[in-house]
C-alpha atoms as a PDB file:
ATOM      1  CA  MET A   1      56.144 109.899 120.849  1.00  0.00           C
ATOM      2  CA  ASN A   2      54.700 108.741 117.346  1.00  0.00           C
ATOM      3  CA  LYS A   3      56.436 105.399 115.449  1.00  0.00           C
ATOM      4  CA  ALA A   4      59.162 107.080 113.196  1.00  0.00           C
ATOM      5  CA  ALA A   5      60.381 108.733 115.678  1.00  0.00           C
ATOM      6  CA  ASN A   6      60.778 105.852 118.345  1.00  0.00           C
ATOM      7  CA  THR A   7      62.200 104.108 115.183  1.00  0.00           C
ATOM      8  CA  GLN A   8      64.929 106.811 115.007  1.00  0.00           C
ATOM      9  CA  LEU A   9      65.707 107.091 118.762  1.00  0.00           C
ATOM     10  CA  ILE A  10      66.088 102.855 118.832  1.00  0.00           C
ATOM     11  CA  GLU A  11      68.635 103.322 115.731  1.00  0.00           C
ATOM     12  CA  TRP A  12      70.309 106.101 116.953  1.00  0.00           C
ATOM     13  CA  GLY A  13      70.912 104.358 120.196  1.00  0.00           C
ATOM     14  CA  ALA A  14      72.129 101.596 118.213  1.00  0.00           C
ATOM     15  CA  LEU A  15      74.795 103.656 116.752  1.00  0.00           C
ATOM     16  CA  LEU A  16      76.122 105.345 120.106  1.00  0.00           C
ATOM     17  CA  PRO A  17      78.649 102.644 121.135  1.00  0.00           C
ATOM     18  CA  SER A  18      80.448 102.959 117.346  1.00  0.00           C
ATOM     19  CA  VAL A  19      80.459 106.843 117.912  1.00  0.00           C
ATOM     20  CA  ALA A  20      81.998 106.935 121.365  1.00  0.00           C
ATOM     21  CA  ALA A  21      84.260 104.326 120.269  1.00  0.00           C
ATOM     22  CA  CYS A  22      85.240 106.921 116.686  1.00  0.00           C
ATOM     23  CA  ILE A  23      85.645 109.665 119.602  1.00  0.00           C
ATOM     24  CA  GLU A  24      87.700 107.811 121.817  1.00  0.00           C
ATOM     25  CA  ALA A  25      90.190 106.789 118.747  1.00  0.00           C
ATOM     26  CA  VAL A  26      90.336 110.069 117.671  1.00  0.00           C
ATOM     27  CA  GLU A  27      94.393 110.928 117.048  1.00  0.00           C
ATOM     28  CA  ARG A  28      95.033 106.970 117.683  1.00  0.00           C
ATOM     29  CA  ASP A  29      95.734 104.489 115.625  1.00  0.00           C
ATOM     30  CA  ASN A  30      92.594 102.794 115.528  1.00  0.00           C
ATOM     31  CA  PHE A  31      90.591 105.630 114.239  1.00  0.00           C
ATOM     32  CA  GLU A  32      90.319 104.404 110.458  1.00  0.00           C
ATOM     33  CA  SER A  33      88.754 100.984 111.590  1.00  0.00           C
ATOM     34  CA  GLN A  34      86.566 102.642 114.361  1.00  0.00           C
ATOM     35  CA  LEU A  35      85.000 105.258 111.344  1.00  0.00           C
ATOM     36  CA  LEU A  36      84.698 102.250 108.693  1.00  0.00           C
ATOM     37  CA  ALA A  37      83.220 100.154 112.102  1.00  0.00           C
ATOM     38  CA  LEU A  38      80.257 103.164 112.526  1.00  0.00           C
ATOM     39  CA  LEU A  39      79.786 104.180 108.706  1.00  0.00           C
ATOM     40  CA  HIS A  40      79.354 100.275 107.994  1.00  0.00           C
ATOM     41  CA  GLN A  41      76.560  99.650 110.765  1.00  0.00           C
ATOM     42  CA  ALA A  42      75.008 103.249 109.805  1.00  0.00           C
ATOM     43  CA  VAL A  43      74.714 102.723 106.073  1.00  0.00           C
ATOM     44  CA  GLY A  44      76.067  99.359 105.363  1.00  0.00           C
ATOM     45  CA  ILE A  45      78.956 100.779 102.940  1.00  0.00           C
ATOM     46  CA  GLU A  46      81.026  98.617 100.545  1.00  0.00           C
ATOM     47  CA  GLN A  47      84.183 101.477 100.125  1.00  0.00           C
ATOM     48  CA  CYS A  48      85.522 103.716 101.994  1.00  0.00           C
ATOM     49  CA  MET A  49      87.956 107.000 100.579  1.00  0.00           C
ATOM     50  CA  ILE A  50      89.013 110.072 102.203  1.00  0.00           C
ATOM     51  CA  PHE A  51      91.966 112.143 100.575  1.00  0.00           C
ATOM     52  CA  GLY A  52      92.905 115.178 101.794  1.00  0.00           C
ATOM     53  CA  CYS A  53      93.851 118.601  99.611  1.00  0.00           C
ATOM     54  CA  SER A  54      95.920 120.897  99.848  1.00  0.00           C
ATOM     55  CA  THR A  55      95.773 124.707  99.661  1.00  0.00           C
ATOM     56  CA  SER A  56      97.380 124.232  96.155  1.00  0.00           C
ATOM     57  CA  GLY A  57      94.928 121.813  95.229  1.00  0.00           C
ATOM     58  CA  ASP A  58      97.241 118.572  95.615  1.00  0.00           C
ATOM     59  CA  ILE A  59      95.272 115.476  96.524  1.00  0.00           C
ATOM     60  CA  ASP A  60      96.904 112.713  98.597  1.00  0.00           C
ATOM     61  CA  CYS A  61      94.722 109.417  99.770  1.00  0.00           C
ATOM     62  CA  LEU A  62      94.357 109.089 103.220  1.00  0.00           C
ATOM     63  CA  LEU A  63      92.146 106.206 103.544  1.00  0.00           C
ATOM     64  CA  ALA A  64      91.216 103.362 100.786  1.00  0.00           C
ATOM     65  CA  ALA A  65      89.436 100.678 102.092  1.00  0.00           C
ATOM     66  CA  ASN A  66      86.685  98.055 100.403  1.00  0.00           C
ATOM     67  CA  HIS A  67      86.653  95.050 102.304  1.00  0.00           C
ATOM     68  CA  GLN A  68      85.860  92.937  99.595  1.00  0.00           C
ATOM     69  CA  LEU A  69      88.715  93.926  97.664  1.00  0.00           C
ATOM     70  CA  PRO A  70      91.319  95.767  99.233  1.00  0.00           C
ATOM     71  CA  ARG A  71      93.812  95.869  96.563  1.00  0.00           C
ATOM     72  CA  VAL A  72      91.123  97.309  93.760  1.00  0.00           C
ATOM     73  CA  ALA A  73      90.823  99.965  96.684  1.00  0.00           C
ATOM     74  CA  ASP A  74      94.519 100.622  96.749  1.00  0.00           C
ATOM     75  CA  ARG A  75      94.574 100.758  93.057  1.00  0.00           C
ATOM     76  CA  LEU A  76      91.446 103.104  92.529  1.00  0.00           C
ATOM     77  CA  ALA A  77      93.512 105.526  94.714  1.00  0.00           C
ATOM     78  CA  HIS A  78      96.232 105.344  93.093  1.00  0.00           C
ATOM     79  CA  LEU A  79      94.373 106.150  89.920  1.00  0.00           C
ATOM     80  CA  TYR A  80      92.691 109.082  91.434  1.00  0.00           C
ATOM     81  CA  VAL A  81      95.188 110.510  93.062  1.00  0.00           C
ATOM     82  CA  SER A  82      97.935 110.093  89.738  1.00  0.00           C
ATOM     83  CA  GLY A  83      95.176 112.488  88.024  1.00  0.00           C
ATOM     84  CA  LEU A  84      91.877 111.499  87.814  1.00  0.00           C
ATOM     85  CA  PHE A  85      91.193 113.464  90.683  1.00  0.00           C
ATOM     86  CA  ARG A  86      90.365 116.233  88.010  1.00  0.00           C
ATOM     87  CA  GLN A  87      87.775 115.143  86.237  1.00  0.00           C
ATOM     88  CA  ASP A  88      85.753 114.532  90.071  1.00  0.00           C
ATOM     89  CA  PRO A  89      83.003 117.030  89.178  1.00  0.00           C
ATOM     90  CA  ASN A  90      83.391 117.237  93.482  1.00  0.00           C
ATOM     91  CA  TYR A  91      86.521 118.529  92.722  1.00  0.00           C
ATOM     92  CA  ARG A  92      86.326 122.394  92.155  1.00  0.00           C
ATOM     93  CA  GLN A  93      84.212 122.616  95.398  1.00  0.00           C
ATOM     94  CA  LEU A  94      86.968 120.738  96.661  1.00  0.00           C
ATOM     95  CA  SER A  95      89.751 122.499  96.397  1.00  0.00           C
ATOM     96  CA  GLN A  96      87.951 125.754  96.512  1.00  0.00           C
ATOM     97  CA  LEU A  97      87.616 124.874 100.098  1.00  0.00           C
ATOM     98  CA  ALA A  98      91.045 124.106 100.862  1.00  0.00           C
ATOM     99  CA  GLY A  99      91.936 127.397  99.530  1.00  0.00           C
ATOM    100  CA  LYS A 100      90.317 128.971 101.904  1.00  0.00           C
ATOM    101  CA  GLN A 101      91.792 131.007 105.349  1.00  0.00           C
ATOM    102  CA  GLU A 102      89.135 130.115 107.384  1.00  0.00           C
ATOM    103  CA  PRO A 103      87.475 126.975 107.722  1.00  0.00           C
ATOM    104  CA  ILE A 104      83.942 127.595 106.772  1.00  0.00           C
ATOM    105  CA  THR A 105      80.830 124.916 107.794  1.00  0.00           C
ATOM    106  CA  THR A 106      80.429 122.413 105.423  1.00  0.00           C
ATOM    107  CA  ASP A 107      78.173 119.665 106.208  1.00  0.00           C
ATOM    108  CA  ALA A 108      75.742 118.774 103.419  1.00  0.00           C
ATOM    109  CA  LEU A 109      76.283 115.677 101.726  1.00  0.00           C
ATOM    110  CA  THR A 110      76.797 115.568  97.516  1.00  0.00           C
ATOM    111  CA  THR A 111      75.021 112.429  95.750  1.00  0.00           C
ATOM    112  CA  MET A 112      76.497 110.550  92.846  1.00  0.00           C
ATOM    113  CA  GLN A 113      76.630 113.144  89.946  1.00  0.00           C
ATOM    114  CA  VAL A 114      76.612 110.582  86.789  1.00  0.00           C
ATOM    115  CA  GLU A 115      75.475 112.912  84.284  1.00  0.00           C
ATOM    116  CA  ALA A 116      78.810 115.124  85.150  1.00  0.00           C
ATOM    117  CA  MET A 117      81.109 112.377  84.773  1.00  0.00           C
ATOM    118  CA  SER A 118      83.365 111.783  81.887  1.00  0.00           C
ATOM    119  CA  PRO A 119      83.258 107.946  80.252  1.00  0.00           C
ATOM    120  CA  ALA A 120      87.104 107.542  81.122  1.00  0.00           C
ATOM    121  CA  TYR A 121      86.131 108.684  84.592  1.00  0.00           C
ATOM    122  CA  ARG A 122      83.121 105.839  85.258  1.00  0.00           C
ATOM    123  CA  SER A 123      85.120 103.298  83.560  1.00  0.00           C
ATOM    124  CA  HIS A 124      87.947 103.043  85.942  1.00  0.00           C
ATOM    125  CA  LEU A 125      86.696 104.418  89.479  1.00  0.00           C
ATOM    126  CA  PHE A 126      83.164 102.575  89.209  1.00  0.00           C
ATOM    127  CA  ALA A 127      82.688 100.031  86.162  1.00  0.00           C
ATOM    128  CA  PHE A 128      85.475  98.139  86.892  1.00  0.00           C
ATOM    129  CA  PRO A 129      84.975  97.739  90.638  1.00  0.00           C
ATOM    130  CA  ASP A 130      81.074  97.143  89.820  1.00  0.00           C
ATOM    131  CA  LEU A 131      80.122 100.274  92.109  1.00  0.00           C
ATOM    132  CA  ILE A 132      77.134 101.628  91.794  1.00  0.00           C
ATOM    133  CA  ASP A 133      76.221 104.838  94.304  1.00  0.00           C
ATOM    134  CA  LYS A 134      78.293 107.234  95.743  1.00  0.00           C
ATOM    135  CA  VAL A 135      77.823 109.748  98.478  1.00  0.00           C
ATOM    136  CA  SER A 136      80.476 112.318  99.325  1.00  0.00           C
ATOM    137  CA  LEU A 137      81.391 115.451 102.225  1.00  0.00           C
ATOM    138  CA  ASN A 138      83.775 117.803 101.706  1.00  0.00           C
ATOM    139  CA  VAL A 139      85.298 119.065 105.063  1.00  0.00           C
ATOM    140  CA  ALA A 140      87.580 122.216 105.296  1.00  0.00           C
ATOM    141  CA  ALA A 141      90.220 122.143 107.308  1.00  0.00           C
ATOM    142  CA  LYS A 142      92.230 125.081 108.693  1.00  0.00           C
ATOM    143  CA  GLU A 143      95.264 123.752 106.050  1.00  0.00           C
ATOM    144  CA  GLY A 144      93.000 122.725 103.106  1.00  0.00           C
ATOM    145  CA  ALA A 145      89.984 120.590 103.269  1.00  0.00           C
ATOM    146  CA  TYR A 146      89.070 116.667 104.035  1.00  0.00           C
ATOM    147  CA  TYR A 147      87.299 114.633 100.877  1.00  0.00           C
ATOM    148  CA  LEU A 148      85.130 111.621 102.773  1.00  0.00           C
ATOM    149  CA  ASN A 149      83.527 109.331 100.112  1.00  0.00           C
ATOM    150  CA  LEU A 150      81.160 106.130 100.661  1.00  0.00           C
ATOM    151  CA  TYR A 151      80.156 103.476  97.448  1.00  0.00           C
ATOM    152  CA  ARG A 152      77.522 100.581  97.324  1.00  0.00           C
ATOM    153  CA  GLY A 153      77.703  98.312  94.978  1.00  0.00           C
ATOM    154  CA  PRO A 154      74.460  96.187  93.434  1.00  0.00           C
ATOM    155  CA  GLN A 155      74.890  93.789  96.391  1.00  0.00           C
ATOM    156  CA  ARG A 156      73.570  96.248  98.666  1.00  0.00           C
ATOM    157  CA  GLY A 157      71.975  98.804  96.189  1.00  0.00           C
ATOM    158  CA  PRO A 158      72.181 102.344  95.770  1.00  0.00           C
ATOM    159  CA  PHE A 159      71.890 104.481  98.796  1.00  0.00           C
ATOM    160  CA  THR A 160      68.331 104.588 100.241  1.00  0.00           C
ATOM    161  CA  ALA A 161      66.604 108.003 101.482  1.00  0.00           C
ATOM    162  CA  ALA A 162      66.910 106.242 105.069  1.00  0.00           C
ATOM    163  CA  ASN A 163      70.435 105.891 104.453  1.00  0.00           C
ATOM    164  CA  LEU A 164      70.845 109.427 103.062  1.00  0.00           C
ATOM    165  CA  ASP A 165      69.003 110.797 105.856  1.00  0.00           C
ATOM    166  CA  CYS A 166      71.202 108.463 108.407  1.00  0.00           C
ATOM    167  CA  LEU A 167      74.175 109.910 107.225  1.00  0.00           C
ATOM    168  CA  ASN A 168      73.004 113.922 107.016  1.00  0.00           C
ATOM    169  CA  SER A 169      72.376 113.260 111.238  1.00  0.00           C
ATOM    170  CA  ILE A 170      75.660 112.507 111.518  1.00  0.00           C
ATOM    171  CA  ALA A 171      77.764 114.951 108.987  1.00  0.00           C
ATOM    172  CA  PRO A 172      78.260 117.665 111.642  1.00  0.00           C
ATOM    173  CA  LEU A 173      79.914 114.241 114.048  1.00  0.00           C
ATOM    174  CA  LEU A 174      81.616 113.038 110.421  1.00  0.00           C
ATOM    175  CA  THR A 175      83.406 116.570 110.101  1.00  0.00           C
ATOM    176  CA  SER A 176      84.511 117.110 113.916  1.00  0.00           C
ATOM    177  CA  LEU A 177      86.045 113.872 113.711  1.00  0.00           C
ATOM    178  CA  LEU A 178      88.032 114.662 110.092  1.00  0.00           C
ATOM    179  CA  ARG A 179      89.051 117.327 111.474  1.00  0.00           C
ATOM    180  CA  ARG A 180      90.388 117.074 114.967  1.00  0.00           C
ATOM    181  CA  HIS A 181      92.225 113.428 113.837  1.00  0.00           C
ATOM    182  CA  TYR A 182      93.586 113.949 110.568  1.00  0.00           C
ATOM    183  CA  SER A 183      94.550 117.758 111.738  1.00  0.00           C
ATOM    184  CA  ASN A 184      96.186 116.603 114.642  1.00  0.00           C
ATOM    185  CA  ALA A 185      97.172 112.730 114.903  1.00  0.00           C
ATOM    186  CA  PRO A 186     100.324 113.004 116.225  1.00  0.00           C
ATOM    187  CA  ALA A 187     103.409 110.520 115.087  1.00  0.00           C
ATOM    188  CA  ARG A 188     104.482 108.054 117.593  1.00  0.00           C
ATOM    189  CA  PRO A 189     107.855 106.874 116.140  1.00  0.00           C
ATOM    190  CA  GLU A 190     109.319 105.250 119.518  1.00  0.00           C
ATOM    191  CA  GLN A 191     105.811 103.297 119.052  1.00  0.00           C
ATOM    192  CA  LEU A 192     107.197 101.676 115.664  1.00  0.00           C
ATOM    193  CA  SER A 193     105.857  98.070 116.254  1.00  0.00           C
ATOM    194  CA  ALA A 194     107.805  95.015 114.786  1.00  0.00           C
ATOM    195  CA  ARG A 195     106.088  94.910 111.304  1.00  0.00           C
ATOM    196  CA  GLU A 196     106.546  98.511 110.734  1.00  0.00           C
ATOM    197  CA  ALA A 197     110.416  97.912 111.437  1.00  0.00           C
ATOM    198  CA  ALA A 198     110.723  95.337 109.145  1.00  0.00           C
ATOM    199  CA  ALA A 199     108.807  97.050 106.212  1.00  0.00           C
ATOM    200  CA  LEU A 200     110.093 100.499 106.178  1.00  0.00           C
ATOM    201  CA  ALA A 201     113.415  98.830 106.561  1.00  0.00           C
ATOM    202  CA  PRO A 202     115.597  99.567 103.163  1.00  0.00           C
ATOM    203  CA  LEU A 203     114.166 103.403 103.590  1.00  0.00           C
ATOM    204  CA  SER A 204     116.677 106.225 104.907  1.00  0.00           C
ATOM    205  CA  GLU A 205     115.529 108.032 108.352  1.00  0.00           C
ATOM    206  CA  ARG A 206     114.035 110.635 106.646  1.00  0.00           C
ATOM    207  CA  GLU A 207     112.135 108.631 104.500  1.00  0.00           C
ATOM    208  CA  ARG A 208     110.981 106.421 107.294  1.00  0.00           C
ATOM    209  CA  GLN A 209     110.113 109.192 109.571  1.00  0.00           C
ATOM    210  CA  LEU A 210     107.827 110.567 106.981  1.00  0.00           C
ATOM    211  CA  CYS A 211     105.608 106.869 106.233  1.00  0.00           C
ATOM    212  CA  LEU A 212     105.690 107.063 110.100  1.00  0.00           C
ATOM    213  CA  TYR A 213     103.659 110.231 110.239  1.00  0.00           C
ATOM    214  CA  LEU A 214     101.602 109.002 107.460  1.00  0.00           C
ATOM    215  CA  LEU A 215     101.079 105.790 108.693  1.00  0.00           C
ATOM    216  CA  ARG A 216      99.941 108.161 111.971  1.00  0.00           C
ATOM    217  CA  GLY A 217      97.408 109.810 110.119  1.00  0.00           C
ATOM    218  CA  HIS A 218      98.760 112.617 108.826  1.00  0.00           C
ATOM    219  CA  THR A 219      98.690 114.713 105.461  1.00  0.00           C
ATOM    220  CA  LEU A 220     102.024 115.339 103.405  1.00  0.00           C
ATOM    221  CA  LYS A 221     101.107 118.950 104.722  1.00  0.00           C
ATOM    222  CA  THR A 222     101.205 118.539 108.257  1.00  0.00           C
ATOM    223  CA  ALA A 223     103.876 115.799 107.865  1.00  0.00           C
ATOM    224  CA  ALA A 224     106.317 118.185 106.540  1.00  0.00           C
ATOM    225  CA  ALA A 225     105.527 121.134 109.466  1.00  0.00           C
ATOM    226  CA  LYS A 226     106.537 117.908 111.784  1.00  0.00           C
ATOM    227  CA  LEU A 227     109.600 117.646 110.029  1.00  0.00           C
ATOM    228  CA  ASP A 228     110.545 120.818 109.214  1.00  0.00           C
ATOM    229  CA  VAL A 229     110.884 120.899 105.538  1.00  0.00           C
ATOM    230  CA  ALA A 230     108.891 122.043 102.262  1.00  0.00           C
ATOM    231  CA  PHE A 231     106.521 120.565 100.867  1.00  0.00           C
ATOM    232  CA  SER A 232     108.294 119.989  97.784  1.00  0.00           C
ATOM    233  CA  THR A 233     110.647 118.014  99.880  1.00  0.00           C
ATOM    234  CA  ILE A 234     108.243 115.869 101.908  1.00  0.00           C
ATOM    235  CA  GLU A 235     106.990 114.947  98.306  1.00  0.00           C
ATOM    236  CA  THR A 236     110.722 114.024  97.255  1.00  0.00           C
ATOM    237  CA  TYR A 237     110.356 112.060 100.318  1.00  0.00           C
ATOM    238  CA  ARG A 238     107.288 110.371  99.580  1.00  0.00           C
ATOM    239  CA  LYS A 239     108.079 109.627  95.520  1.00  0.00           C
ATOM    240  CA  ARG A 240     111.704 107.909  96.886  1.00  0.00           C
ATOM    241  CA  ALA A 241     110.105 105.883  99.932  1.00  0.00           C
ATOM    242  CA  TYR A 242     107.132 103.996  97.317  1.00  0.00           C
ATOM    243  CA  ALA A 243     109.354 103.862  94.742  1.00  0.00           C
ATOM    244  CA  LYS A 244     112.175 101.600  97.306  1.00  0.00           C
ATOM    245  CA  LEU A 245     108.468  99.712  98.863  1.00  0.00           C
ATOM    246  CA  GLY A 246     107.672  99.291  95.471  1.00  0.00           C
ATOM    247  CA  ILE A 247     104.284 100.793  96.393  1.00  0.00           C
ATOM    248  CA  ALA A 248     101.835 103.803  95.339  1.00  0.00           C
ATOM    249  CA  SER A 249      99.306 105.088  97.465  1.00  0.00           C
ATOM    250  CA  LYS A 250      98.954 105.536 101.188  1.00  0.00           C
ATOM    251  CA  ALA A 251      96.787 102.469 101.311  1.00  0.00           C
ATOM    252  CA  GLY A 252      99.541 100.219  99.482  1.00  0.00           C
ATOM    253  CA  LEU A 253     101.890 101.245 102.864  1.00  0.00           C
ATOM    254  CA  VAL A 254      99.352 100.979 105.381  1.00  0.00           C
ATOM    255  CA  ALA A 255      99.043  96.841 104.045  1.00  0.00           C
ATOM    256  CA  LEU A 256     102.782  96.780 103.413  1.00  0.00           C
ATOM    257  CA  CYS A 257     103.197  97.174 107.516  1.00  0.00           C
ATOM    258  CA  LYS A 258     100.475  95.013 108.310  1.00  0.00           C
ATOM    259  CA  ALA A 259     101.332  91.920 105.821  1.00  0.00           C
ATOM    260  CA  SER A 260     105.561  92.302 106.801  1.00  0.00           C
ATOM    261  CA  ARG A 261     106.634  89.607 108.857  1.00  0.00           C
END
């Protein structure tokens, strides 16, 4: 075995415990924290965003995480889902994937496409939070698609060739994890924590149920199916709930439930 192959083997060996933790956490409340830990260990990300795209092309934020600036991540997610997603160079491919009747194999990474970004898009989503590089993965699912975005800032610098090789190696794993978790994650209202109960107290029963589904990893589409209501109805529940809670995104909902006493 040559030195390069031996080095790669050692790196994969170091990642295996984090990979196992992610697999174990699928459909559980700690999945996103385990996924972030794996990505931090693998390539040293500074921000992670995961979006769900419905078959109609609508976008919903599933995860917005910036360890250094958590409030900034929430703001960026709100700007993106409020309309900036239409200026994303990857949106066309993502919406095409979401419209497919059956999931297709899509494990190819997309690097940052600076030349295809509008000035407004770059200013709002990269210049302000001081992000300089991005790698994306579009994941087709049975109903819609998932969109994983990983970012680096000037402190760590752009993703290296070795980082991209690592991400390409684990792309099939990430694809499988996202599909299994966000498509199947059950809502468990009977396991409502004290903090969640306090945060969601102002809501109606239906609004509370929706928020619990979102907190447990569901998209609006799958939450609508679980609650047996139309997608337009579930969107109304979300708007009312977020207005009552004074938040603008799922990331804000997660932060509120963690902060409530």
